[in-house]
N, C-alpha and C. Protein backbone atom coordinates (compact mmCIF):
# COMPACT_ATOMS: atom_id res chain seq x y z
N MET A 1 79.14 105.52 152.11
CA MET A 1 79.68 104.66 151.06
C MET A 1 80.18 105.43 149.83
N PRO A 2 79.41 106.45 149.33
CA PRO A 2 79.90 107.18 148.15
C PRO A 2 81.29 107.77 148.34
N SER A 3 81.57 108.33 149.52
CA SER A 3 82.89 108.93 149.74
C SER A 3 83.99 107.88 149.68
N ASP A 4 83.70 106.67 150.19
CA ASP A 4 84.68 105.58 150.11
C ASP A 4 84.97 105.21 148.66
N LEU A 5 83.92 105.16 147.86
CA LEU A 5 84.08 104.83 146.45
C LEU A 5 84.93 105.88 145.73
N VAL A 6 84.65 107.15 146.02
CA VAL A 6 85.40 108.23 145.38
C VAL A 6 86.87 108.15 145.76
N GLN A 7 87.15 108.00 147.05
CA GLN A 7 88.55 107.93 147.48
C GLN A 7 89.26 106.73 146.87
N THR A 8 88.56 105.61 146.78
CA THR A 8 89.14 104.42 146.16
C THR A 8 89.48 104.68 144.70
N TYR A 9 88.53 105.26 143.98
CA TYR A 9 88.75 105.53 142.56
C TYR A 9 89.90 106.53 142.36
N LEU A 10 89.94 107.56 143.19
CA LEU A 10 91.00 108.56 143.05
C LEU A 10 92.37 107.96 143.35
N LEU A 11 92.44 107.06 144.31
CA LEU A 11 93.72 106.40 144.60
C LEU A 11 94.17 105.54 143.42
N LEU A 12 93.22 104.85 142.80
CA LEU A 12 93.55 104.05 141.61
C LEU A 12 94.06 104.95 140.48
N ALA A 13 93.42 106.12 140.34
CA ALA A 13 93.82 107.05 139.29
C ALA A 13 95.21 107.62 139.55
N GLU A 14 95.49 107.93 140.80
CA GLU A 14 96.82 108.45 141.14
C GLU A 14 97.90 107.39 140.93
N ALA A 15 97.57 106.15 141.24
CA ALA A 15 98.52 105.06 141.02
C ALA A 15 98.85 104.93 139.53
N ARG A 16 97.83 105.06 138.68
CA ARG A 16 98.07 104.95 137.24
C ARG A 16 98.96 106.10 136.75
N LYS A 17 98.76 107.30 137.30
CA LYS A 17 99.61 108.43 136.92
C LYS A 17 101.07 108.16 137.28
N ALA A 18 101.26 107.37 138.34
CA ALA A 18 102.62 107.03 138.78
C ALA A 18 103.16 105.81 138.06
N GLY A 19 102.41 105.33 137.07
CA GLY A 19 102.87 104.19 136.28
C GLY A 19 102.59 102.84 136.91
N LYS A 20 101.68 102.81 137.87
CA LYS A 20 101.34 101.55 138.54
C LYS A 20 99.86 101.27 138.38
N GLN A 21 99.53 100.00 138.24
CA GLN A 21 98.13 99.63 138.08
C GLN A 21 97.68 98.76 139.24
N TYR A 22 96.58 99.16 139.86
CA TYR A 22 96.01 98.44 140.98
C TYR A 22 94.53 98.18 140.72
N PHE A 23 93.97 97.25 141.47
CA PHE A 23 92.52 97.16 141.58
C PHE A 23 92.19 97.12 143.06
N ALA A 24 90.96 97.48 143.39
CA ALA A 24 90.52 97.50 144.78
C ALA A 24 89.42 96.46 144.97
N PHE A 25 89.30 95.97 146.19
CA PHE A 25 88.24 95.01 146.46
C PHE A 25 87.82 95.10 147.92
N TYR A 26 86.60 94.66 148.17
CA TYR A 26 86.21 94.41 149.55
C TYR A 26 85.11 93.37 149.58
N ASN A 27 84.92 92.80 150.76
CA ASN A 27 83.99 91.71 150.98
C ASN A 27 82.91 92.18 151.95
N CYS A 28 81.66 91.95 151.61
CA CYS A 28 80.56 92.43 152.44
C CYS A 28 79.63 91.28 152.81
N GLY A 29 79.48 91.02 154.10
CA GLY A 29 78.54 89.99 154.55
C GLY A 29 79.22 88.72 155.00
N GLU A 30 78.50 87.93 155.78
CA GLU A 30 79.08 86.74 156.39
C GLU A 30 79.40 85.63 155.40
N HIS A 31 78.82 85.67 154.21
CA HIS A 31 79.08 84.63 153.21
C HIS A 31 80.03 85.11 152.10
N SER A 32 80.69 86.24 152.33
CA SER A 32 81.52 86.85 151.29
C SER A 32 82.98 86.42 151.35
N GLY A 33 83.35 85.62 152.37
CA GLY A 33 84.75 85.24 152.52
C GLY A 33 85.57 86.29 153.23
N ALA A 34 84.89 87.21 153.92
CA ALA A 34 85.60 88.29 154.62
C ALA A 34 86.41 87.73 155.79
N SER A 35 87.63 88.25 155.94
CA SER A 35 88.49 87.81 157.04
C SER A 35 88.23 88.61 158.31
N GLN A 36 87.55 89.75 158.17
CA GLN A 36 87.22 90.60 159.31
C GLN A 36 85.77 91.04 159.19
N PRO A 37 85.09 91.24 160.33
CA PRO A 37 83.68 91.62 160.27
C PRO A 37 83.43 93.02 159.74
N ARG A 38 84.41 93.92 159.89
CA ARG A 38 84.21 95.29 159.40
C ARG A 38 84.65 95.41 157.94
N LYS A 39 84.00 96.34 157.25
CA LYS A 39 84.36 96.56 155.85
C LYS A 39 85.72 97.25 155.77
N HIS A 40 86.60 96.73 154.94
CA HIS A 40 87.89 97.38 154.72
C HIS A 40 88.29 97.17 153.27
N ILE A 41 88.49 98.27 152.57
CA ILE A 41 88.85 98.22 151.16
C ILE A 41 90.35 97.96 151.04
N GLN A 42 90.72 97.02 150.18
CA GLN A 42 92.12 96.66 149.99
C GLN A 42 92.52 96.87 148.53
N PHE A 43 93.82 97.11 148.32
CA PHE A 43 94.35 97.37 146.99
C PHE A 43 95.41 96.32 146.64
N ILE A 44 95.34 95.81 145.41
CA ILE A 44 96.27 94.80 144.94
C ILE A 44 96.88 95.26 143.61
N PRO A 45 98.20 95.18 143.46
CA PRO A 45 98.82 95.57 142.18
C PRO A 45 98.54 94.54 141.09
N VAL A 46 98.42 95.02 139.88
CA VAL A 46 98.24 94.14 138.71
C VAL A 46 99.43 94.39 137.80
N ASP A 47 100.38 93.49 137.82
CA ASP A 47 101.65 93.71 137.12
C ASP A 47 101.51 93.86 135.61
N ASP A 48 100.71 93.00 135.00
CA ASP A 48 100.60 93.04 133.54
C ASP A 48 99.34 93.76 133.05
N GLY A 49 98.53 94.23 133.98
CA GLY A 49 97.32 94.95 133.60
C GLY A 49 96.21 94.07 133.09
N ASN A 50 96.38 92.76 133.18
CA ASN A 50 95.39 91.84 132.61
C ASN A 50 94.68 91.02 133.69
N LEU A 51 93.95 91.70 134.54
CA LEU A 51 93.12 91.01 135.51
C LEU A 51 92.08 90.19 134.75
N PRO A 52 92.01 88.87 134.99
CA PRO A 52 91.15 88.01 134.16
C PRO A 52 89.72 88.50 133.99
N ILE A 53 89.08 88.92 135.07
CA ILE A 53 87.68 89.34 134.96
C ILE A 53 87.56 90.65 134.18
N GLU A 54 88.62 91.48 134.23
CA GLU A 54 88.60 92.72 133.48
C GLU A 54 88.81 92.48 131.99
N VAL A 55 89.57 91.46 131.65
CA VAL A 55 89.74 91.10 130.24
C VAL A 55 88.37 90.77 129.64
N LEU A 56 87.57 90.01 130.38
CA LEU A 56 86.22 89.66 129.92
C LEU A 56 85.34 90.90 129.83
N ALA A 57 85.43 91.75 130.85
CA ALA A 57 84.58 92.94 130.87
C ALA A 57 84.91 93.88 129.71
N ARG A 58 86.20 94.07 129.46
CA ARG A 58 86.61 94.97 128.36
C ARG A 58 86.14 94.45 127.00
N ALA A 59 86.09 93.13 126.87
CA ALA A 59 85.74 92.52 125.58
C ALA A 59 84.23 92.53 125.32
N THR A 60 83.46 92.94 126.31
CA THR A 60 82.00 92.95 126.16
C THR A 60 81.55 94.21 125.43
N ASN A 61 80.86 94.01 124.32
CA ASN A 61 80.32 95.13 123.56
C ASN A 61 78.95 95.51 124.13
N LEU A 62 78.80 96.77 124.48
CA LEU A 62 77.57 97.22 125.12
C LEU A 62 76.72 98.02 124.15
N GLU A 63 75.43 97.67 124.09
CA GLU A 63 74.50 98.44 123.27
C GLU A 63 74.14 99.75 123.97
N VAL A 64 74.05 99.69 125.29
CA VAL A 64 73.76 100.88 126.10
C VAL A 64 74.91 101.06 127.08
N GLN A 65 75.55 102.21 127.06
CA GLN A 65 76.79 102.40 127.81
C GLN A 65 76.59 102.64 129.30
N ASP A 66 75.46 103.19 129.70
CA ASP A 66 75.31 103.59 131.10
C ASP A 66 74.38 102.68 131.89
N LYS A 67 74.36 101.40 131.51
CA LYS A 67 73.52 100.42 132.20
C LYS A 67 74.38 99.25 132.69
N PRO A 68 73.97 98.61 133.78
CA PRO A 68 74.69 97.41 134.24
C PRO A 68 74.62 96.31 133.20
N PHE A 69 75.61 95.44 133.21
CA PHE A 69 75.60 94.27 132.33
C PHE A 69 76.16 93.07 133.09
N SER A 70 76.09 91.92 132.46
CA SER A 70 76.57 90.69 133.08
C SER A 70 77.54 89.99 132.12
N LEU A 71 78.54 89.33 132.70
CA LEU A 71 79.47 88.52 131.90
C LEU A 71 78.87 87.13 131.80
N SER A 72 78.16 86.91 130.70
CA SER A 72 77.32 85.71 130.58
C SER A 72 78.12 84.41 130.46
N THR A 73 79.41 84.51 130.13
CA THR A 73 80.20 83.29 130.00
C THR A 73 80.64 82.73 131.36
N LEU A 74 80.46 83.50 132.41
CA LEU A 74 80.86 83.04 133.74
C LEU A 74 79.73 82.22 134.37
N PRO A 75 80.07 81.17 135.11
CA PRO A 75 79.06 80.25 135.64
C PRO A 75 78.46 80.68 136.97
N TYR A 76 78.35 81.96 137.20
CA TYR A 76 77.77 82.48 138.45
C TYR A 76 77.23 83.88 138.18
N ALA A 77 76.33 84.32 139.03
CA ALA A 77 75.74 85.65 138.89
C ALA A 77 76.80 86.72 139.10
N ASN A 78 76.82 87.69 138.23
CA ASN A 78 77.75 88.81 138.36
C ASN A 78 77.11 90.04 137.73
N HIS A 79 77.41 91.18 138.31
CA HIS A 79 76.82 92.44 137.83
C HIS A 79 77.92 93.47 137.68
N VAL A 80 77.98 94.09 136.51
CA VAL A 80 79.11 94.95 136.16
C VAL A 80 78.60 96.28 135.61
N PHE A 81 79.35 97.33 135.90
CA PHE A 81 79.05 98.64 135.31
C PHE A 81 80.34 99.20 134.73
N ARG A 82 80.26 99.71 133.51
CA ARG A 82 81.43 100.29 132.86
C ARG A 82 81.42 101.81 133.06
N PHE A 83 82.53 102.34 133.56
CA PHE A 83 82.65 103.77 133.78
C PHE A 83 82.90 104.51 132.47
N PRO A 84 82.49 105.78 132.38
CA PRO A 84 82.83 106.59 131.21
C PRO A 84 84.34 106.66 131.04
N SER A 85 84.80 106.72 129.81
CA SER A 85 86.23 106.60 129.53
C SER A 85 87.06 107.74 130.14
N GLN A 86 86.49 108.91 130.29
CA GLN A 86 87.24 110.06 130.82
C GLN A 86 86.85 110.39 132.26
N LEU A 87 86.33 109.42 132.97
CA LEU A 87 85.84 109.70 134.32
C LEU A 87 86.93 110.22 135.25
N SER A 88 88.13 109.69 135.12
CA SER A 88 89.21 110.09 136.03
C SER A 88 89.59 111.56 135.87
N SER A 89 89.19 112.17 134.76
CA SER A 89 89.49 113.59 134.53
C SER A 89 88.33 114.49 134.94
N SER A 90 87.27 113.90 135.44
CA SER A 90 86.08 114.66 135.82
C SER A 90 86.24 115.28 137.21
N THR A 91 85.29 116.13 137.57
CA THR A 91 85.29 116.73 138.90
C THR A 91 84.95 115.67 139.94
N SER A 92 85.28 115.93 141.18
CA SER A 92 84.98 114.96 142.24
C SER A 92 83.48 114.75 142.39
N ASP A 93 82.69 115.82 142.15
CA ASP A 93 81.23 115.67 142.23
C ASP A 93 80.72 114.73 141.15
N LYS A 94 81.26 114.87 139.93
CA LYS A 94 80.84 113.99 138.83
C LYS A 94 81.26 112.56 139.10
N ILE A 95 82.47 112.37 139.64
CA ILE A 95 82.94 111.04 139.97
C ILE A 95 82.04 110.41 141.03
N GLU A 96 81.71 111.19 142.06
CA GLU A 96 80.84 110.66 143.12
C GLU A 96 79.46 110.30 142.59
N GLN A 97 78.91 111.15 141.74
CA GLN A 97 77.59 110.88 141.17
C GLN A 97 77.61 109.59 140.35
N THR A 98 78.63 109.43 139.53
CA THR A 98 78.74 108.25 138.66
C THR A 98 78.93 106.98 139.48
N LEU A 99 79.86 107.03 140.44
CA LEU A 99 80.14 105.84 141.24
C LEU A 99 78.95 105.45 142.11
N SER A 100 78.30 106.44 142.71
CA SER A 100 77.15 106.16 143.57
C SER A 100 76.01 105.53 142.78
N SER A 101 75.73 106.10 141.62
CA SER A 101 74.66 105.57 140.78
C SER A 101 74.97 104.15 140.32
N ALA A 102 76.23 103.93 139.92
CA ALA A 102 76.63 102.60 139.47
C ALA A 102 76.52 101.58 140.59
N PHE A 103 77.04 101.93 141.75
CA PHE A 103 77.03 101.00 142.88
C PHE A 103 75.60 100.64 143.28
N LEU A 104 74.73 101.64 143.39
CA LEU A 104 73.36 101.37 143.84
C LEU A 104 72.59 100.53 142.81
N SER A 105 72.84 100.76 141.53
CA SER A 105 72.16 99.96 140.51
C SER A 105 72.62 98.51 140.57
N LEU A 106 73.92 98.30 140.82
CA LEU A 106 74.43 96.93 140.94
C LEU A 106 73.94 96.27 142.23
N LEU A 107 73.87 97.04 143.30
CA LEU A 107 73.39 96.49 144.57
C LEU A 107 71.93 96.05 144.45
N ASP A 108 71.12 96.82 143.72
CA ASP A 108 69.73 96.41 143.47
C ASP A 108 69.68 95.05 142.77
N LEU A 109 70.60 94.85 141.82
CA LEU A 109 70.64 93.57 141.10
C LEU A 109 71.10 92.43 142.00
N VAL A 110 72.03 92.72 142.91
CA VAL A 110 72.46 91.70 143.88
C VAL A 110 71.27 91.26 144.73
N VAL A 111 70.52 92.22 145.25
CA VAL A 111 69.35 91.91 146.08
C VAL A 111 68.33 91.13 145.27
N SER A 112 68.11 91.54 144.02
CA SER A 112 67.17 90.83 143.16
C SER A 112 67.62 89.39 142.92
N THR A 113 68.91 89.19 142.70
CA THR A 113 69.44 87.84 142.48
C THR A 113 69.21 86.97 143.70
N VAL A 114 69.47 87.51 144.87
CA VAL A 114 69.26 86.77 146.12
C VAL A 114 67.79 86.39 146.28
N ARG A 115 66.91 87.30 145.95
CA ARG A 115 65.47 87.04 146.11
C ARG A 115 64.98 85.94 145.18
N HIS A 116 65.70 85.71 144.08
CA HIS A 116 65.31 84.64 143.15
C HIS A 116 65.80 83.27 143.62
N ASP A 117 66.57 83.22 144.71
CA ASP A 117 67.09 81.95 145.22
C ASP A 117 66.31 81.56 146.47
N PRO A 118 65.42 80.56 146.36
CA PRO A 118 64.58 80.19 147.51
C PRO A 118 65.37 79.60 148.68
N ASP A 119 66.59 79.14 148.42
CA ASP A 119 67.39 78.51 149.47
C ASP A 119 68.47 79.43 150.05
N TYR A 120 68.37 80.71 149.74
CA TYR A 120 69.40 81.63 150.23
C TYR A 120 69.33 81.73 151.75
N PRO A 121 70.50 81.72 152.42
CA PRO A 121 70.51 81.81 153.89
C PRO A 121 69.82 83.09 154.38
N SER A 122 69.24 83.00 155.56
CA SER A 122 68.56 84.17 156.13
C SER A 122 69.58 85.25 156.49
N GLY A 123 69.13 86.47 156.58
CA GLY A 123 70.02 87.58 156.91
C GLY A 123 70.27 88.47 155.70
N ARG A 124 71.18 89.41 155.88
CA ARG A 124 71.48 90.35 154.81
C ARG A 124 72.25 89.67 153.67
N PRO A 125 72.03 90.12 152.44
CA PRO A 125 72.78 89.56 151.31
C PRO A 125 74.28 89.79 151.46
N SER A 126 75.06 88.82 151.03
CA SER A 126 76.52 88.95 151.00
C SER A 126 76.97 89.14 149.56
N TYR A 127 78.05 89.88 149.39
CA TYR A 127 78.56 90.09 148.04
C TYR A 127 80.01 90.55 148.09
N ASN A 128 80.68 90.41 146.97
CA ASN A 128 82.05 90.89 146.80
C ASN A 128 82.05 92.06 145.83
N VAL A 129 82.99 92.96 146.01
CA VAL A 129 83.12 94.14 145.15
C VAL A 129 84.54 94.21 144.59
N LEU A 130 84.64 94.41 143.29
CA LEU A 130 85.92 94.65 142.61
C LEU A 130 85.82 96.00 141.90
N ILE A 131 86.83 96.83 142.05
CA ILE A 131 86.82 98.16 141.44
C ILE A 131 88.12 98.39 140.68
N THR A 132 87.99 98.78 139.43
CA THR A 132 89.13 99.22 138.62
C THR A 132 88.78 100.61 138.08
N LEU A 133 89.67 101.19 137.29
CA LEU A 133 89.36 102.47 136.68
C LEU A 133 88.35 102.35 135.55
N GLU A 134 88.08 101.13 135.12
CA GLU A 134 87.17 100.91 134.00
C GLU A 134 85.81 100.37 134.40
N HIS A 135 85.79 99.54 135.46
CA HIS A 135 84.55 98.87 135.84
C HIS A 135 84.42 98.74 137.35
N ILE A 136 83.18 98.53 137.78
CA ILE A 136 82.91 98.06 139.13
C ILE A 136 82.09 96.79 139.00
N HIS A 137 82.48 95.76 139.74
CA HIS A 137 81.83 94.45 139.70
C HIS A 137 81.24 94.15 141.08
N LEU A 138 80.01 93.66 141.12
CA LEU A 138 79.42 93.12 142.35
C LEU A 138 79.02 91.68 142.10
N ILE A 139 79.46 90.78 142.98
CA ILE A 139 79.17 89.36 142.84
C ILE A 139 78.43 88.89 144.08
N PRO A 140 77.15 88.51 143.95
CA PRO A 140 76.42 88.01 145.11
C PRO A 140 76.96 86.66 145.57
N ARG A 141 76.97 86.45 146.89
CA ARG A 141 77.56 85.24 147.47
C ARG A 141 76.54 84.47 148.31
N LYS A 142 76.69 83.14 148.26
CA LYS A 142 75.80 82.26 149.03
C LYS A 142 76.58 81.47 150.08
N GLN A 143 77.87 81.18 149.79
CA GLN A 143 78.72 80.45 150.71
C GLN A 143 80.09 81.13 150.76
N ASP A 144 80.75 81.03 151.91
CA ASP A 144 82.06 81.67 152.02
C ASP A 144 83.20 80.72 151.77
N VAL A 145 82.94 79.41 151.78
CA VAL A 145 84.02 78.44 151.57
C VAL A 145 83.60 77.39 150.55
N TYR A 146 84.62 76.81 149.91
CA TYR A 146 84.43 75.67 149.02
C TYR A 146 85.14 74.47 149.61
N THR A 147 84.44 73.36 149.69
CA THR A 147 85.03 72.14 150.24
C THR A 147 85.59 71.29 149.09
N ILE A 148 86.89 71.02 149.13
CA ILE A 148 87.53 70.21 148.09
C ILE A 148 87.16 68.75 148.32
N PRO A 149 86.47 68.11 147.38
CA PRO A 149 86.01 66.73 147.58
C PRO A 149 87.14 65.75 147.92
N GLU A 150 88.28 65.91 147.26
CA GLU A 150 89.38 64.94 147.42
C GLU A 150 89.96 64.94 148.83
N THR A 151 90.06 66.12 149.43
CA THR A 151 90.73 66.22 150.73
C THR A 151 89.80 66.60 151.87
N GLY A 152 88.63 67.13 151.54
CA GLY A 152 87.73 67.63 152.58
C GLY A 152 88.16 68.99 153.11
N SER A 153 89.23 69.54 152.55
CA SER A 153 89.72 70.86 152.98
C SER A 153 88.74 71.94 152.55
N LYS A 154 88.62 72.94 153.39
CA LYS A 154 87.74 74.06 153.09
C LYS A 154 88.59 75.25 152.66
N VAL A 155 88.32 75.76 151.47
CA VAL A 155 89.05 76.91 150.93
C VAL A 155 88.15 78.14 151.00
N SER A 156 88.60 79.14 151.75
CA SER A 156 87.85 80.38 151.84
C SER A 156 87.99 81.15 150.53
N VAL A 157 86.88 81.62 150.00
CA VAL A 157 86.89 82.36 148.73
C VAL A 157 86.35 83.76 148.99
N ASN A 158 87.18 84.77 148.77
CA ASN A 158 86.70 86.14 148.90
C ASN A 158 86.71 86.80 147.52
N ALA A 159 86.69 88.12 147.48
CA ALA A 159 86.63 88.82 146.20
C ALA A 159 87.81 88.49 145.29
N LEU A 160 88.97 88.20 145.89
CA LEU A 160 90.13 87.87 145.08
C LEU A 160 89.91 86.64 144.22
N GLY A 161 89.14 85.69 144.72
CA GLY A 161 88.85 84.49 143.94
C GLY A 161 88.16 84.83 142.63
N PHE A 162 87.24 85.81 142.69
CA PHE A 162 86.51 86.21 141.49
C PHE A 162 87.35 87.12 140.60
N ALA A 163 88.43 87.64 141.15
CA ALA A 163 89.37 88.41 140.34
C ALA A 163 90.36 87.49 139.64
N GLY A 164 90.32 86.19 140.00
CA GLY A 164 91.23 85.22 139.39
C GLY A 164 92.38 84.84 140.28
N MET A 165 92.23 85.07 141.60
CA MET A 165 93.32 84.80 142.54
C MET A 165 92.80 84.01 143.74
N LEU A 166 92.67 82.72 143.58
CA LEU A 166 92.26 81.87 144.70
C LEU A 166 93.44 81.64 145.63
N LEU A 167 93.21 81.77 146.92
CA LEU A 167 94.27 81.61 147.91
C LEU A 167 94.14 80.27 148.63
N VAL A 168 95.25 79.58 148.78
CA VAL A 168 95.26 78.30 149.49
C VAL A 168 96.29 78.35 150.61
N LYS A 169 96.16 77.42 151.57
CA LYS A 169 97.02 77.44 152.74
C LYS A 169 98.19 76.46 152.66
N SER A 170 98.15 75.55 151.68
CA SER A 170 99.20 74.54 151.63
C SER A 170 99.37 74.04 150.20
N GLU A 171 100.49 73.35 149.97
CA GLU A 171 100.73 72.73 148.66
C GLU A 171 99.69 71.65 148.38
N GLU A 172 99.27 70.95 149.43
CA GLU A 172 98.26 69.89 149.27
C GLU A 172 96.95 70.49 148.76
N GLU A 173 96.54 71.60 149.35
CA GLU A 173 95.33 72.27 148.90
C GLU A 173 95.48 72.74 147.46
N LEU A 174 96.64 73.26 147.13
CA LEU A 174 96.89 73.77 145.78
C LEU A 174 96.76 72.66 144.76
N GLU A 175 97.38 71.51 145.03
CA GLU A 175 97.34 70.40 144.08
C GLU A 175 95.93 69.86 143.93
N ALA A 176 95.20 69.78 145.06
CA ALA A 176 93.82 69.29 145.00
C ALA A 176 92.92 70.27 144.25
N LEU A 177 93.17 71.56 144.45
CA LEU A 177 92.35 72.57 143.81
C LEU A 177 92.59 72.61 142.30
N LYS A 178 93.83 72.30 141.90
CA LYS A 178 94.15 72.28 140.47
C LYS A 178 93.31 71.25 139.72
N LYS A 179 92.87 70.21 140.42
CA LYS A 179 92.08 69.17 139.79
C LYS A 179 90.61 69.58 139.65
N GLU A 180 90.24 70.66 140.33
CA GLU A 180 88.87 71.15 140.26
C GLU A 180 88.76 72.20 139.15
N SER A 181 87.59 72.36 138.62
CA SER A 181 87.33 73.46 137.69
C SER A 181 87.15 74.74 138.49
N ILE A 182 87.88 75.79 138.12
CA ILE A 182 87.73 77.06 138.83
C ILE A 182 86.29 77.56 138.73
N GLY A 183 85.70 77.33 137.56
CA GLY A 183 84.30 77.72 137.40
C GLY A 183 83.39 76.99 138.38
N LYS A 184 83.70 75.72 138.63
CA LYS A 184 82.91 74.94 139.58
C LYS A 184 83.07 75.51 140.99
N VAL A 185 84.29 75.86 141.34
CA VAL A 185 84.55 76.42 142.67
C VAL A 185 83.78 77.72 142.86
N LEU A 186 83.93 78.64 141.91
CA LEU A 186 83.29 79.94 142.05
C LEU A 186 81.77 79.84 141.93
N GLY A 187 81.31 78.95 141.05
CA GLY A 187 79.87 78.78 140.91
C GLY A 187 79.22 78.23 142.17
N SER A 188 79.95 77.39 142.90
CA SER A 188 79.38 76.77 144.10
C SER A 188 79.30 77.73 145.28
N VAL A 189 80.13 78.77 145.29
CA VAL A 189 80.06 79.74 146.39
C VAL A 189 79.28 81.00 145.98
N GLY A 190 78.95 81.11 144.71
CA GLY A 190 78.15 82.22 144.22
C GLY A 190 76.71 81.79 144.03
N LEU A 191 76.00 82.52 143.19
CA LEU A 191 74.60 82.20 142.90
C LEU A 191 74.41 81.99 141.41
N LYS A 192 73.32 81.35 141.06
CA LYS A 192 72.97 81.16 139.67
C LYS A 192 72.54 82.50 139.07
N SER A 193 72.98 82.78 137.86
CA SER A 193 72.61 84.02 137.20
C SER A 193 71.13 84.01 136.81
N VAL A 194 70.47 85.11 137.09
CA VAL A 194 69.09 85.30 136.64
C VAL A 194 69.03 86.59 135.82
N HIS A 195 70.13 86.90 135.16
CA HIS A 195 70.24 88.16 134.43
C HIS A 195 69.16 88.30 133.37
N ASP A 196 68.86 87.23 132.65
CA ASP A 196 67.84 87.31 131.61
C ASP A 196 66.48 87.68 132.19
N ILE A 197 66.16 87.12 133.35
CA ILE A 197 64.90 87.44 134.02
C ILE A 197 64.90 88.90 134.46
N GLN A 198 66.03 89.35 134.99
CA GLN A 198 66.13 90.74 135.45
C GLN A 198 66.00 91.72 134.30
N VAL A 199 66.60 91.40 133.15
CA VAL A 199 66.48 92.25 131.97
C VAL A 199 65.03 92.30 131.51
N ALA A 200 64.36 91.15 131.51
CA ALA A 200 62.96 91.08 131.09
C ALA A 200 62.08 91.90 132.02
N ASP A 201 62.36 91.83 133.32
CA ASP A 201 61.58 92.60 134.30
C ASP A 201 61.78 94.09 134.09
N THR A 202 63.02 94.50 133.83
CA THR A 202 63.33 95.91 133.60
C THR A 202 62.64 96.43 132.33
N THR A 203 62.63 95.60 131.29
CA THR A 203 62.00 95.98 130.03
C THR A 203 60.50 96.13 130.23
N ALA A 204 59.91 95.21 131.00
CA ALA A 204 58.47 95.27 131.25
C ALA A 204 58.10 96.53 132.04
N GLU A 205 58.95 96.91 133.00
CA GLU A 205 58.70 98.12 133.77
C GLU A 205 58.78 99.36 132.90
N ALA A 206 59.73 99.35 131.95
CA ALA A 206 59.91 100.50 131.07
C ALA A 206 58.72 100.68 130.15
N GLU A 207 58.10 99.55 129.78
CA GLU A 207 56.94 99.61 128.90
C GLU A 207 55.69 100.04 129.64
């Protein structure tokens, strides 16, 4: 996994040098909205550089720079790590160390979030991953689809949904989905945030 993260980050950095901005994502687990059973990292261009979830992440003021944080205004559990500002200029070993540490710390929080949900489906935890040059996001998942009440249509939600890009199959689905709150859609396929409990547990361990 660390080598995949490094290659992903380096590709994003090279794209920026070429004047293009991308983000990477992948879906892990049966409840993540994955279209294929195997892990495959995908890249999507961001034309204006304003990926909605990144706008929120950038606006978050951190008291401690090298610790995971959560976007508390979002109605679902999410875990984020901010990369050092000059990471792209670092050695590959430093990049690998930083990315590996960040990913594992966020994965621990995903597992912890799942364990706090007594109704979580059996099996391995599912989650989505979003990677930019500034942050890595992990979002734990409980369901892979959202059922639109008006039509009964099932909309598959993968990592792109949490990046602000919900995909639909028809105009009918689009119109019905517009009547729903995006927060409601994402909250129903994600998990309830227990970030405050996790912070309290971490503080107690430190003491």
